[in-house]
Amino acid sequence: MLALLSSVKWYFCELMGDHDYKKYVAHLKAHHPEEAVPSEREYWRARYAEQDANPGTRCC
């Protein structure tokens, strides 16, 4: 039962993007170590600004 709840939590967090900043930081450190790592707040602001500037295909 605990494994099921853990899987549901992981899925929900992935769906909502809770781990995106951590993945972005890991990518920057691995592929662009010379670049400064933005704060989590700066990351989300830039991400939302990019989505607003280039909406592409999304439901709402």
N, C-alpha and C. Protein backbone atom coordinates (compact mmCIF):
# COMPACT_ATOMS: atom_id res chain seq x y z
N MET A 1 0.82 -1.20 0.00
CA MET A 1 0.00 0.00 0.00
C MET A 1 0.87 1.27 0.00
N LEU A 2 1.97 1.21 0.76
CA LEU A 2 2.87 2.35 0.83
C LEU A 2 3.51 2.64 -0.53
N ALA A 3 3.84 1.57 -1.26
CA ALA A 3 4.42 1.74 -2.59
C ALA A 3 3.42 2.40 -3.54
N LEU A 4 2.16 2.03 -3.44
CA LEU A 4 1.13 2.63 -4.27
C LEU A 4 0.99 4.13 -3.98
N LEU A 5 0.95 4.48 -2.71
CA LEU A 5 0.84 5.89 -2.33
C LEU A 5 2.07 6.68 -2.78
N SER A 6 3.22 6.07 -2.67
CA SER A 6 4.44 6.72 -3.13
C SER A 6 4.40 6.96 -4.64
N SER A 7 3.91 6.00 -5.37
CA SER A 7 3.80 6.13 -6.82
C SER A 7 2.80 7.22 -7.21
N VAL A 8 1.69 7.27 -6.50
CA VAL A 8 0.68 8.30 -6.77
C VAL A 8 1.25 9.68 -6.47
N LYS A 9 1.98 9.81 -5.38
CA LYS A 9 2.60 11.10 -5.03
C LYS A 9 3.60 11.50 -6.10
N TRP A 10 4.46 10.55 -6.53
CA TRP A 10 5.44 10.85 -7.57
C TRP A 10 4.74 11.31 -8.85
N TYR A 11 3.70 10.60 -9.27
CA TYR A 11 2.97 10.95 -10.49
C TYR A 11 2.37 12.34 -10.39
N PHE A 12 1.75 12.64 -9.27
CA PHE A 12 1.11 13.94 -9.07
C PHE A 12 2.16 15.05 -9.12
N CYS A 13 3.29 14.84 -8.47
CA CYS A 13 4.35 15.85 -8.47
C CYS A 13 4.92 16.06 -9.87
N GLU A 14 5.08 14.98 -10.62
CA GLU A 14 5.56 15.10 -11.99
C GLU A 14 4.54 15.84 -12.86
N LEU A 15 3.29 15.53 -12.67
CA LEU A 15 2.22 16.16 -13.44
C LEU A 15 2.16 17.66 -13.17
N MET A 16 2.35 18.05 -11.93
CA MET A 16 2.27 19.45 -11.55
C MET A 16 3.57 20.21 -11.78
N GLY A 17 4.67 19.49 -12.08
CA GLY A 17 5.94 20.15 -12.36
C GLY A 17 6.75 20.47 -11.13
N ASP A 18 6.47 19.80 -10.02
CA ASP A 18 7.17 20.10 -8.78
C ASP A 18 8.67 19.83 -8.85
N HIS A 19 9.10 18.92 -9.70
CA HIS A 19 10.51 18.55 -9.79
C HIS A 19 11.23 19.25 -10.94
N ASP A 20 10.55 20.12 -11.67
CA ASP A 20 11.14 20.74 -12.84
C ASP A 20 12.36 21.59 -12.51
N TYR A 21 12.30 22.35 -11.42
CA TYR A 21 13.43 23.20 -11.06
C TYR A 21 14.65 22.35 -10.74
N LYS A 22 14.47 21.28 -9.98
CA LYS A 22 15.59 20.40 -9.63
C LYS A 22 16.20 19.79 -10.88
N LYS A 23 15.36 19.39 -11.82
CA LYS A 23 15.86 18.82 -13.07
C LYS A 23 16.62 19.87 -13.88
N TYR A 24 16.12 21.11 -13.87
CA TYR A 24 16.77 22.20 -14.59
C TYR A 24 18.15 22.50 -14.00
N VAL A 25 18.23 22.54 -12.68
CA VAL A 25 19.52 22.80 -12.02
C VAL A 25 20.50 21.68 -12.33
N ALA A 26 20.05 20.44 -12.29
CA ALA A 26 20.93 19.32 -12.62
C ALA A 26 21.42 19.42 -14.06
N HIS A 27 20.53 19.81 -14.97
CA HIS A 27 20.92 19.98 -16.38
C HIS A 27 21.96 21.09 -16.52
N LEU A 28 21.73 22.22 -15.85
CA LEU A 28 22.68 23.33 -15.94
C LEU A 28 24.06 22.91 -15.42
N LYS A 29 24.09 22.24 -14.30
CA LYS A 29 25.37 21.83 -13.71
C LYS A 29 26.09 20.82 -14.59
N ALA A 30 25.34 19.95 -15.26
CA ALA A 30 25.95 18.91 -16.09
C ALA A 30 26.40 19.44 -17.45
N HIS A 31 25.60 20.32 -18.05
CA HIS A 31 25.87 20.74 -19.43
C HIS A 31 26.35 22.18 -19.57
N HIS A 32 26.10 23.02 -18.58
CA HIS A 32 26.49 24.43 -18.63
C HIS A 32 27.04 24.87 -17.28
N PRO A 33 28.13 24.26 -16.83
CA PRO A 33 28.63 24.56 -15.48
C PRO A 33 29.09 26.01 -15.30
N GLU A 34 29.38 26.71 -16.38
CA GLU A 34 29.84 28.09 -16.28
C GLU A 34 28.70 29.08 -16.03
N GLU A 35 27.47 28.66 -16.30
CA GLU A 35 26.33 29.56 -16.13
C GLU A 35 25.87 29.61 -14.67
N ALA A 36 25.40 30.78 -14.28
CA ALA A 36 24.87 30.95 -12.93
C ALA A 36 23.52 30.23 -12.82
N VAL A 37 23.28 29.64 -11.68
CA VAL A 37 22.02 28.94 -11.45
C VAL A 37 21.02 29.94 -10.87
N PRO A 38 19.88 30.13 -11.55
CA PRO A 38 18.89 31.08 -11.03
C PRO A 38 18.21 30.52 -9.79
N SER A 39 17.65 31.43 -9.00
CA SER A 39 16.88 30.97 -7.85
C SER A 39 15.62 30.28 -8.37
N GLU A 40 14.97 29.54 -7.50
CA GLU A 40 13.74 28.86 -7.92
C GLU A 40 12.69 29.88 -8.34
N ARG A 41 12.62 30.98 -7.64
CA ARG A 41 11.65 32.03 -7.98
C ARG A 41 11.94 32.60 -9.38
N GLU A 42 13.22 32.87 -9.67
CA GLU A 42 13.59 33.38 -10.99
C GLU A 42 13.27 32.36 -12.08
N TYR A 43 13.52 31.09 -11.77
CA TYR A 43 13.22 30.03 -12.75
C TYR A 43 11.75 30.03 -13.11
N TRP A 44 10.87 30.03 -12.12
CA TRP A 44 9.44 29.98 -12.40
C TRP A 44 8.95 31.24 -13.10
N ARG A 45 9.48 32.39 -12.73
CA ARG A 45 9.09 33.63 -13.42
C ARG A 45 9.46 33.56 -14.89
N ALA A 46 10.67 33.13 -15.19
CA ALA A 46 11.12 33.02 -16.58
C ALA A 46 10.31 31.98 -17.34
N ARG A 47 10.01 30.88 -16.69
CA ARG A 47 9.23 29.82 -17.34
C ARG A 47 7.82 30.31 -17.69
N TYR A 48 7.18 30.97 -16.75
CA TYR A 48 5.83 31.48 -17.02
C TYR A 48 5.84 32.61 -18.05
N ALA A 49 6.87 33.45 -18.01
CA ALA A 49 6.99 34.51 -19.01
C ALA A 49 7.15 33.92 -20.40
N GLU A 50 7.95 32.86 -20.51
CA GLU A 50 8.13 32.18 -21.80
C GLU A 50 6.82 31.57 -22.28
N GLN A 51 6.07 30.96 -21.39
CA GLN A 51 4.79 30.36 -21.77
C GLN A 51 3.79 31.43 -22.21
N ASP A 52 3.81 32.58 -21.55
CA ASP A 52 2.90 33.66 -21.94
C ASP A 52 3.30 34.28 -23.28
N ALA A 53 4.60 34.37 -23.52
CA ALA A 53 5.08 34.96 -24.78
C ALA A 53 4.88 34.02 -25.96
N ASN A 54 4.98 32.72 -25.73
CA ASN A 54 4.86 31.72 -26.79
C ASN A 54 3.92 30.61 -26.31
N PRO A 55 2.62 30.87 -26.36
CA PRO A 55 1.68 29.92 -25.74
C PRO A 55 1.63 28.54 -26.40
N GLY A 56 1.87 28.44 -27.68
CA GLY A 56 1.82 27.13 -28.33
C GLY A 56 0.45 26.48 -28.14
N THR A 57 0.47 25.18 -28.00
CA THR A 57 -0.77 24.43 -27.84
C THR A 57 -0.93 24.06 -26.37
N ARG A 58 -1.99 24.54 -25.77
CA ARG A 58 -2.32 24.15 -24.41
C ARG A 58 -3.81 24.30 -24.20
N CYS A 59 -4.30 23.72 -23.16
CA CYS A 59 -5.75 23.62 -22.98
C CYS A 59 -6.41 24.95 -22.59
N CYS A 60 -5.68 25.84 -21.88
CA CYS A 60 -6.34 27.07 -21.43
C CYS A 60 -5.43 28.27 -21.52
